[in-house]
Amino acid sequence: MAITHLLLTGYRGCGKSAVGQLLSVALSRKLIDIDAAIESSAGKSIAELFSEVGQEGFRDLESAQISHLAALKESAIISLGGGAILRPENRKCIRNLGKTVWLQATPETIEERISKDKTTQTRRPKLSKLGDMEEIRSILKMRIPWYNEVADLAVSTDDQSMESVAETIADWFHRIT
């Protein structure tokens, strides 16, 4: 039987890490958080990497992590970085790895979650010179077609607990695999 991974995509603040942890337990699978793996291997935060190697250099590290996922021997829950879908080769790899769930939230919810999470502010770089809400809206608008391209399921995380979101995804995944 082929290995089928469950991948989570979406903008930062949509719940990928939290839902990934819950799904890891619910589905008894290892969780691989791409951003955490990059930070661990580099020994630096994403913000530090952006500062040192720029966005393109960071995206190169991200693409390398994604391409290595094909070598996994066991099915896993994979939490992708919010920008992992930017490169066509990443989107192709993501589609080939398994089933992908696009976690969605409104810009208002995203901004509220990001502003409350102090680790996000120190670990994650700003992606533009725009104000926070304008940046979220602008980047989301650009990325939506790519999230849609890789997604097998879209789930809103607005006004839902992460436990409820994880349960919805786990139920769906059991039905299709």
C-alpha atoms as a PDB file:
ATOM      1  CA  MET A   1       0.000   0.000   0.000  1.00  0.00           C
ATOM      2  CA  ALA A   2       1.297   3.461  -0.892  1.00  0.00           C
ATOM      3  CA  ILE A   3       2.255   5.878   1.836  1.00  0.00           C
ATOM      4  CA  THR A   4      -0.356   8.614   2.125  1.00  0.00           C
ATOM      5  CA  HIS A   5       0.617  11.661   4.119  1.00  0.00           C
ATOM      6  CA  LEU A   6      -1.821  14.213   5.470  1.00  0.00           C
ATOM      7  CA  LEU A   7      -0.538  17.716   4.728  1.00  0.00           C
ATOM      8  CA  LEU A   8      -1.787  20.962   6.231  1.00  0.00           C
ATOM      9  CA  THR A   9      -1.457  24.231   4.360  1.00  0.00           C
ATOM     10  CA  GLY A  10      -2.706  27.758   4.869  1.00  0.00           C
ATOM     11  CA  TYR A  11      -1.601  31.214   5.930  1.00  0.00           C
ATOM     12  CA  ARG A  12       0.226  31.635   9.233  1.00  0.00           C
ATOM     13  CA  GLY A  13      -2.210  31.869  12.113  1.00  0.00           C
ATOM     14  CA  CYS A  14      -4.730  29.482  10.552  1.00  0.00           C
ATOM     15  CA  GLY A  15      -3.891  26.704  13.021  1.00  0.00           C
ATOM     16  CA  LYS A  16      -1.548  24.371  11.108  1.00  0.00           C
ATOM     17  CA  SER A  17       0.756  23.684  14.048  1.00  0.00           C
ATOM     18  CA  ALA A  18      -2.013  23.275  16.637  1.00  0.00           C
ATOM     19  CA  VAL A  19      -4.204  21.131  14.383  1.00  0.00           C
ATOM     20  CA  GLY A  20      -1.158  19.132  13.278  1.00  0.00           C
ATOM     21  CA  GLN A  21      -0.341  18.231  16.880  1.00  0.00           C
ATOM     22  CA  LEU A  22      -3.913  17.115  17.520  1.00  0.00           C
ATOM     23  CA  LEU A  23      -4.038  15.070  14.297  1.00  0.00           C
ATOM     24  CA  SER A  24      -0.724  13.443  15.135  1.00  0.00           C
ATOM     25  CA  VAL A  25      -2.299  12.029  18.301  1.00  0.00           C
ATOM     26  CA  ALA A  26      -5.708  11.257  16.761  1.00  0.00           C
ATOM     27  CA  LEU A  27      -4.241   9.415  13.756  1.00  0.00           C
ATOM     28  CA  SER A  28      -1.182   7.978  15.574  1.00  0.00           C
ATOM     29  CA  ARG A  29       1.236   9.492  13.081  1.00  0.00           C
ATOM     30  CA  LYS A  30       4.437  11.446  13.435  1.00  0.00           C
ATOM     31  CA  LEU A  31       4.093  15.221  13.008  1.00  0.00           C
ATOM     32  CA  ILE A  32       6.586  16.965  10.750  1.00  0.00           C
ATOM     33  CA  ASP A  33       6.458  20.751  10.945  1.00  0.00           C
ATOM     34  CA  ILE A  34       8.440  22.078   7.974  1.00  0.00           C
ATOM     35  CA  ASP A  35       9.137  25.493   9.529  1.00  0.00           C
ATOM     36  CA  ALA A  36      10.335  23.871  12.778  1.00  0.00           C
ATOM     37  CA  ALA A  37      12.518  21.437  10.804  1.00  0.00           C
ATOM     38  CA  ILE A  38      14.134  24.327   8.926  1.00  0.00           C
ATOM     39  CA  GLU A  39      14.750  26.247  12.144  1.00  0.00           C
ATOM     40  CA  SER A  40      16.169  23.151  13.837  1.00  0.00           C
ATOM     41  CA  SER A  41      18.551  22.278  11.019  1.00  0.00           C
ATOM     42  CA  ALA A  42      19.715  25.894  10.621  1.00  0.00           C
ATOM     43  CA  GLY A  43      19.851  26.641  14.328  1.00  0.00           C
ATOM     44  CA  LYS A  44      18.089  29.937  13.591  1.00  0.00           C
ATOM     45  CA  SER A  45      14.587  31.354  13.518  1.00  0.00           C
ATOM     46  CA  ILE A  46      12.835  31.950  10.232  1.00  0.00           C
ATOM     47  CA  ALA A  47      13.149  35.701  10.864  1.00  0.00           C
ATOM     48  CA  GLU A  48      16.929  35.307  11.253  1.00  0.00           C
ATOM     49  CA  LEU A  49      17.112  33.218   8.079  1.00  0.00           C
ATOM     50  CA  PHE A  50      15.108  35.813   6.128  1.00  0.00           C
ATOM     51  CA  SER A  51      17.506  38.468   7.407  1.00  0.00           C
ATOM     52  CA  GLU A  52      20.614  36.458   6.491  1.00  0.00           C
ATOM     53  CA  VAL A  53      19.694  34.686   3.244  1.00  0.00           C
ATOM     54  CA  GLY A  54      16.597  36.597   2.139  1.00  0.00           C
ATOM     55  CA  GLN A  55      13.210  35.221   1.214  1.00  0.00           C
ATOM     56  CA  GLU A  56      14.570  33.326  -1.816  1.00  0.00           C
ATOM     57  CA  GLY A  57      17.268  31.666   0.304  1.00  0.00           C
ATOM     58  CA  PHE A  58      14.656  30.649   2.848  1.00  0.00           C
ATOM     59  CA  ARG A  59      12.388  29.314   0.084  1.00  0.00           C
ATOM     60  CA  ASP A  60      15.341  27.216  -1.160  1.00  0.00           C
ATOM     61  CA  LEU A  61      15.645  25.641   2.308  1.00  0.00           C
ATOM     62  CA  GLU A  62      11.889  25.082   2.376  1.00  0.00           C
ATOM     63  CA  SER A  63      11.900  23.426  -1.067  1.00  0.00           C
ATOM     64  CA  ALA A  64      14.731  21.123   0.031  1.00  0.00           C
ATOM     65  CA  GLN A  65      12.743  20.053   3.115  1.00  0.00           C
ATOM     66  CA  ILE A  66       9.637  19.381   1.022  1.00  0.00           C
ATOM     67  CA  SER A  67      11.535  17.340  -1.567  1.00  0.00           C
ATOM     68  CA  HIS A  68      12.983  15.135   1.204  1.00  0.00           C
ATOM     69  CA  LEU A  69       9.474  14.172   2.343  1.00  0.00           C
ATOM     70  CA  ALA A  70       9.148  11.700  -0.545  1.00  0.00           C
ATOM     71  CA  ALA A  71      11.740   9.504   1.201  1.00  0.00           C
ATOM     72  CA  LEU A  72       9.626   9.044   4.348  1.00  0.00           C
ATOM     73  CA  LYS A  73       8.916   5.373   5.072  1.00  0.00           C
ATOM     74  CA  GLU A  74       5.826   5.927   7.234  1.00  0.00           C
ATOM     75  CA  SER A  75       2.745   8.080   6.760  1.00  0.00           C
ATOM     76  CA  ALA A  76       2.959  11.376   8.624  1.00  0.00           C
ATOM     77  CA  ILE A  77       1.094  14.552   9.391  1.00  0.00           C
ATOM     78  CA  ILE A  78       2.988  17.359   7.636  1.00  0.00           C
ATOM     79  CA  SER A  79       2.484  20.991   8.595  1.00  0.00           C
ATOM     80  CA  LEU A  80       3.695  23.131   5.698  1.00  0.00           C
ATOM     81  CA  GLY A  81       4.878  26.694   6.003  1.00  0.00           C
ATOM     82  CA  GLY A  82       2.379  29.271   4.789  1.00  0.00           C
ATOM     83  CA  GLY A  83       4.486  30.064   1.718  1.00  0.00           C
ATOM     84  CA  ALA A  84       5.377  26.478   0.802  1.00  0.00           C
ATOM     85  CA  ILE A  85       2.881  26.673  -2.068  1.00  0.00           C
ATOM     86  CA  LEU A  86       4.658  29.573  -3.783  1.00  0.00           C
ATOM     87  CA  ARG A  87       6.882  27.457  -6.025  1.00  0.00           C
ATOM     88  CA  PRO A  88       5.382  25.226  -8.730  1.00  0.00           C
ATOM     89  CA  GLU A  89       7.793  22.383  -7.899  1.00  0.00           C
ATOM     90  CA  ASN A  90       6.629  22.463  -4.274  1.00  0.00           C
ATOM     91  CA  ARG A  91       2.968  22.354  -5.305  1.00  0.00           C
ATOM     92  CA  LYS A  92       3.666  19.343  -7.522  1.00  0.00           C
ATOM     93  CA  CYS A  93       5.487  17.558  -4.710  1.00  0.00           C
ATOM     94  CA  ILE A  94       2.715  18.407  -2.219  1.00  0.00           C
ATOM     95  CA  ARG A  95       0.061  16.958  -4.523  1.00  0.00           C
ATOM     96  CA  ASN A  96       2.113  13.777  -4.965  1.00  0.00           C
ATOM     97  CA  LEU A  97       2.718  13.229  -1.245  1.00  0.00           C
ATOM     98  CA  GLY A  98      -0.838  12.614  -0.114  1.00  0.00           C
ATOM     99  CA  LYS A  99      -3.966  14.487   0.840  1.00  0.00           C
ATOM    100  CA  THR A 100      -3.805  18.183   1.639  1.00  0.00           C
ATOM    101  CA  VAL A 101      -6.115  20.213   3.860  1.00  0.00           C
ATOM    102  CA  TRP A 102      -6.190  23.975   3.441  1.00  0.00           C
ATOM    103  CA  LEU A 103      -6.866  25.607   6.802  1.00  0.00           C
ATOM    104  CA  GLN A 104      -8.611  28.903   6.223  1.00  0.00           C
ATOM    105  CA  ALA A 105      -9.376  31.930   8.373  1.00  0.00           C
ATOM    106  CA  THR A 106     -10.478  35.477   7.710  1.00  0.00           C
ATOM    107  CA  PRO A 107      -7.816  38.195   7.670  1.00  0.00           C
ATOM    108  CA  GLU A 108      -9.305  39.525  10.909  1.00  0.00           C
ATOM    109  CA  THR A 109      -8.939  36.160  12.651  1.00  0.00           C
ATOM    110  CA  ILE A 110      -5.409  35.718  11.301  1.00  0.00           C
ATOM    111  CA  GLU A 111      -4.356  39.187  12.471  1.00  0.00           C
ATOM    112  CA  GLU A 112      -5.861  38.587  15.924  1.00  0.00           C
ATOM    113  CA  ARG A 113      -4.085  35.226  16.311  1.00  0.00           C
ATOM    114  CA  ILE A 114      -0.740  36.543  15.074  1.00  0.00           C
ATOM    115  CA  SER A 115      -0.904  39.587  17.361  1.00  0.00           C
ATOM    116  CA  LYS A 116      -1.627  37.374  20.400  1.00  0.00           C
ATOM    117  CA  ASP A 117       1.195  34.917  19.645  1.00  0.00           C
ATOM    118  CA  LYS A 118       4.442  36.485  20.866  1.00  0.00           C
ATOM    119  CA  THR A 119       6.551  33.633  19.424  1.00  0.00           C
ATOM    120  CA  THR A 120       5.185  34.389  15.961  1.00  0.00           C
ATOM    121  CA  GLN A 121       6.322  37.979  16.287  1.00  0.00           C
ATOM    122  CA  THR A 122       9.895  36.996  17.178  1.00  0.00           C
ATOM    123  CA  ARG A 123      10.251  33.936  14.923  1.00  0.00           C
ATOM    124  CA  ARG A 124       8.419  35.056  11.792  1.00  0.00           C
ATOM    125  CA  PRO A 125       9.417  37.961   9.543  1.00  0.00           C
ATOM    126  CA  LYS A 126       7.113  40.532   8.049  1.00  0.00           C
ATOM    127  CA  LEU A 127       6.632  39.675   4.389  1.00  0.00           C
ATOM    128  CA  SER A 128       6.091  43.206   3.112  1.00  0.00           C
ATOM    129  CA  LYS A 129       6.309  46.832   4.135  1.00  0.00           C
ATOM    130  CA  LEU A 130       2.519  47.013   4.461  1.00  0.00           C
ATOM    131  CA  GLY A 131       0.682  47.289   7.766  1.00  0.00           C
ATOM    132  CA  ASP A 132      -0.279  43.976   9.370  1.00  0.00           C
ATOM    133  CA  MET A 133      -3.862  43.758   8.063  1.00  0.00           C
ATOM    134  CA  GLU A 134      -2.933  45.053   4.609  1.00  0.00           C
ATOM    135  CA  GLU A 135      -0.090  42.517   4.405  1.00  0.00           C
ATOM    136  CA  ILE A 136      -2.388  39.640   5.344  1.00  0.00           C
ATOM    137  CA  ARG A 137      -5.031  40.671   2.808  1.00  0.00           C
ATOM    138  CA  SER A 138      -2.496  41.238   0.027  1.00  0.00           C
ATOM    139  CA  ILE A 139      -0.586  37.997   0.527  1.00  0.00           C
ATOM    140  CA  LEU A 140      -3.743  35.926   1.008  1.00  0.00           C
ATOM    141  CA  LYS A 141      -5.178  37.298  -2.240  1.00  0.00           C
ATOM    142  CA  MET A 142      -1.999  36.277  -4.080  1.00  0.00           C
ATOM    143  CA  ARG A 143      -1.787  32.810  -2.476  1.00  0.00           C
ATOM    144  CA  ILE A 144      -5.431  31.698  -2.594  1.00  0.00           C
ATOM    145  CA  PRO A 145      -5.193  30.168  -6.106  1.00  0.00           C
ATOM    146  CA  TRP A 146      -2.144  28.131  -5.050  1.00  0.00           C
ATOM    147  CA  TYR A 147      -3.709  26.941  -1.783  1.00  0.00           C
ATOM    148  CA  ASN A 148      -6.748  25.947  -3.816  1.00  0.00           C
ATOM    149  CA  GLU A 149      -4.554  24.129  -6.359  1.00  0.00           C
ATOM    150  CA  VAL A 150      -3.086  21.764  -3.753  1.00  0.00           C
ATOM    151  CA  ALA A 151      -6.117  21.359  -1.477  1.00  0.00           C
ATOM    152  CA  ASP A 152      -8.245  18.239  -1.334  1.00  0.00           C
ATOM    153  CA  LEU A 153     -10.308  19.768   1.473  1.00  0.00           C
ATOM    154  CA  ALA A 154     -10.719  23.304   2.821  1.00  0.00           C
ATOM    155  CA  VAL A 155     -11.695  23.854   6.450  1.00  0.00           C
ATOM    156  CA  SER A 156     -12.426  27.197   8.086  1.00  0.00           C
ATOM    157  CA  THR A 157     -10.841  27.611  11.496  1.00  0.00           C
ATOM    158  CA  ASP A 158     -12.826  30.750  12.303  1.00  0.00           C
ATOM    159  CA  ASP A 159     -15.042  30.351  15.348  1.00  0.00           C
ATOM    160  CA  GLN A 160     -14.042  26.699  15.828  1.00  0.00           C
ATOM    161  CA  SER A 161     -11.808  25.105  18.393  1.00  0.00           C
ATOM    162  CA  MET A 162      -8.667  23.472  17.051  1.00  0.00           C
ATOM    163  CA  GLU A 163     -10.004  20.202  18.524  1.00  0.00           C
ATOM    164  CA  SER A 164     -13.162  20.504  16.425  1.00  0.00           C
ATOM    165  CA  VAL A 165     -11.124  21.278  13.289  1.00  0.00           C
ATOM    166  CA  ALA A 166      -8.848  18.285  13.935  1.00  0.00           C
ATOM    167  CA  GLU A 167     -11.858  16.006  14.480  1.00  0.00           C
ATOM    168  CA  THR A 168     -13.422  17.143  11.195  1.00  0.00           C
ATOM    169  CA  ILE A 169     -10.183  16.473   9.326  1.00  0.00           C
ATOM    170  CA  ALA A 170      -9.553  13.110  11.012  1.00  0.00           C
ATOM    171  CA  ASP A 171     -13.093  11.946  10.162  1.00  0.00           C
ATOM    172  CA  TRP A 172     -12.648  13.035   6.528  1.00  0.00           C
ATOM    173  CA  PHE A 173      -9.219  11.388   6.269  1.00  0.00           C
ATOM    174  CA  HIS A 174     -10.525   8.086   7.644  1.00  0.00           C
ATOM    175  CA  ARG A 175     -13.332   8.111   5.050  1.00  0.00           C
ATOM    176  CA  ILE A 176     -11.027   8.667   2.077  1.00  0.00           C
ATOM    177  CA  THR A 177      -8.103   6.407   2.982  1.00  0.00           C
END
